[in-house]
Amino acid sequence: MGQLVSDVTKILEYKDAKKEASSQRQKILAQIAEDEQTKTNLIKKILATQNAKYGASGNSGNGFSENAVLKRLREETAKPYDEKRKANLEKIKKQKVKKPNLITNWLSKIDDIAG
C-alpha cells in the first residue's frame, strides 16, 4: 500500500510541477511580448525625434549619413531588449519538469525484495 501511495504522490507532484512550469512559461512569454512592445515604441519615439531634428536642420533624411545614424540608433535602442529576450527564452528552456518513471521505481523495489 505504501508503494501505491508513493507513486500517486509522485504523479500528483509531477502534475503540479508541470502546471507551475507552464504558468512560468506563460509569464515569461507575456514579459517578452511586453518588452517587444516597449522596444518598438521606444525605437519609434527615438526615430521620430531624430527625423524631426534632421527636418528642422534642413536635411531631407534621404542621405546616406542620416540613414546610417537612424540605423545605429535603432540597433542601440533594441540591443538591451534583444539581450533580455534571449535571457527569457533561456529561462523558458529551463522550465522542464522531470516525469516520474514508475516502472524503474517498481523494479528497484522488486530488486530490494528479491535481493
Protein backbone atom coordinates (compact mmCIF):
# COMPACT_ATOMS: atom_id res chain seq x y z
CA MET A 1 0.00 0.00 0.00
CA GLY A 2 2.90 2.33 0.78
CA GLN A 3 4.28 1.98 -2.75
CA LEU A 4 0.92 2.90 -4.28
CA VAL A 5 0.65 6.00 -2.11
CA SER A 6 4.21 6.94 -3.03
CA ASP A 7 3.50 6.53 -6.76
CA VAL A 8 0.29 8.53 -6.61
CA THR A 9 2.10 11.25 -4.68
CA LYS A 10 4.84 11.38 -7.31
CA ILE A 11 2.27 11.64 -10.11
CA LEU A 12 0.42 14.44 -8.33
CA GLU A 13 3.67 16.30 -7.62
CA TYR A 14 4.62 15.91 -11.29
CA LYS A 15 1.28 17.34 -12.42
CA ASP A 16 1.64 20.28 -10.02
CA ALA A 17 5.20 20.93 -11.18
CA LYS A 18 4.09 20.73 -14.80
CA LYS A 19 1.32 23.30 -14.18
CA GLU A 20 3.77 25.60 -12.38
CA ALA A 21 6.29 25.33 -15.23
CA SER A 22 3.57 26.12 -17.75
CA SER A 23 2.50 29.13 -15.69
CA GLN A 24 6.10 30.36 -15.51
CA ARG A 25 6.49 29.96 -19.28
CA GLN A 26 3.32 31.98 -19.85
CA LYS A 27 4.60 34.75 -17.56
CA ILE A 28 7.92 34.84 -19.39
CA LEU A 29 6.20 34.93 -22.79
CA ALA A 30 3.98 37.79 -21.58
CA GLN A 31 7.10 39.65 -20.43
CA ILE A 32 8.74 39.08 -23.82
CA ALA A 33 5.66 40.47 -25.60
CA GLU A 34 5.58 43.49 -23.28
CA ASP A 35 9.30 44.13 -23.83
CA GLU A 36 8.84 43.91 -27.61
CA GLN A 37 6.06 46.49 -27.47
CA THR A 38 8.13 48.78 -25.25
CA LYS A 39 11.13 48.39 -27.57
CA THR A 40 9.02 49.18 -30.64
CA ASN A 41 7.53 52.26 -29.01
CA LEU A 42 10.94 53.48 -27.85
CA ILE A 43 12.50 52.99 -31.27
CA LYS A 44 9.63 54.83 -32.95
CA LYS A 45 9.99 57.70 -30.50
CA ILE A 46 13.76 57.98 -30.98
CA LEU A 47 13.50 57.75 -34.77
CA ALA A 48 10.72 60.35 -34.86
CA THR A 49 12.81 62.68 -32.70
CA GLN A 50 15.86 62.19 -34.88
CA ASN A 51 13.83 62.66 -38.07
CA ALA A 52 12.40 65.88 -36.64
CA LYS A 53 15.93 67.13 -35.83
CA TYR A 54 17.09 66.37 -39.37
CA GLY A 55 13.99 68.01 -40.81
CA ALA A 56 14.48 71.11 -38.68
CA SER A 57 18.08 71.38 -39.84
CA GLY A 58 17.01 71.27 -43.49
CA ASN A 59 18.04 67.70 -44.28
CA SER A 60 15.60 65.52 -46.15
CA GLY A 61 16.61 62.30 -44.47
CA ASN A 62 17.36 60.67 -47.80
CA GLY A 63 21.13 60.91 -47.44
CA PHE A 64 23.40 58.04 -46.51
CA SER A 65 24.65 59.58 -43.29
CA GLU A 66 21.15 60.21 -41.92
CA ASN A 67 20.10 56.65 -42.66
CA ALA A 68 23.28 55.33 -41.04
CA VAL A 69 22.58 57.36 -37.90
CA LEU A 70 18.98 56.15 -37.77
CA LYS A 71 20.08 52.56 -38.25
CA ARG A 72 22.63 52.89 -35.45
CA LEU A 73 20.01 54.44 -33.15
CA ARG A 74 17.60 51.60 -33.91
CA GLU A 75 20.25 48.97 -33.17
CA GLU A 76 21.45 50.65 -29.96
CA THR A 77 17.90 51.01 -28.69
CA ALA A 78 16.96 47.43 -29.49
CA LYS A 79 20.12 45.79 -28.10
CA PRO A 80 19.15 45.63 -24.38
CA TYR A 81 15.71 44.31 -25.26
CA ASP A 82 17.15 41.67 -27.58
CA GLU A 83 19.52 40.53 -24.83
CA LYS A 84 16.65 40.36 -22.35
CA ARG A 85 14.59 38.37 -24.86
CA LYS A 86 17.41 35.85 -25.27
CA ALA A 87 17.69 35.51 -21.48
CA ASN A 88 13.94 34.96 -21.19
CA LEU A 89 13.99 32.31 -23.90
CA GLU A 90 16.75 30.51 -21.98
CA LYS A 91 14.55 30.62 -18.87
CA ILE A 92 11.73 29.02 -20.86
CA LYS A 93 14.04 26.22 -22.00
CA LYS A 94 14.97 25.55 -18.37
CA GLN A 95 11.32 25.21 -17.32
CA LYS A 96 11.27 21.47 -17.85
CA VAL A 97 9.76 19.06 -15.40
CA LYS A 98 11.17 15.56 -14.99
CA LYS A 99 8.48 12.95 -15.49
CA PRO A 100 8.50 10.25 -12.81
CA ASN A 101 9.50 6.80 -14.07
CA LEU A 102 7.31 4.49 -12.02
CA ILE A 103 8.46 1.30 -13.75
CA THR A 104 12.07 1.91 -12.72
CA ASN A 105 10.86 2.65 -9.23
CA TRP A 106 8.87 -0.58 -9.08
CA LEU A 107 11.77 -2.63 -10.45
CA SER A 108 14.11 -1.26 -7.81
CA LYS A 109 11.59 -2.24 -5.11
CA ILE A 110 11.38 -5.75 -6.55
CA ASP A 111 15.18 -5.97 -6.57
CA ASP A 112 15.20 -4.86 -2.90
CA ILE A 113 12.66 -7.53 -2.01
CA ALA A 114 14.36 -10.29 -4.03
CA GLY A 115 17.89 -9.32 -3.21
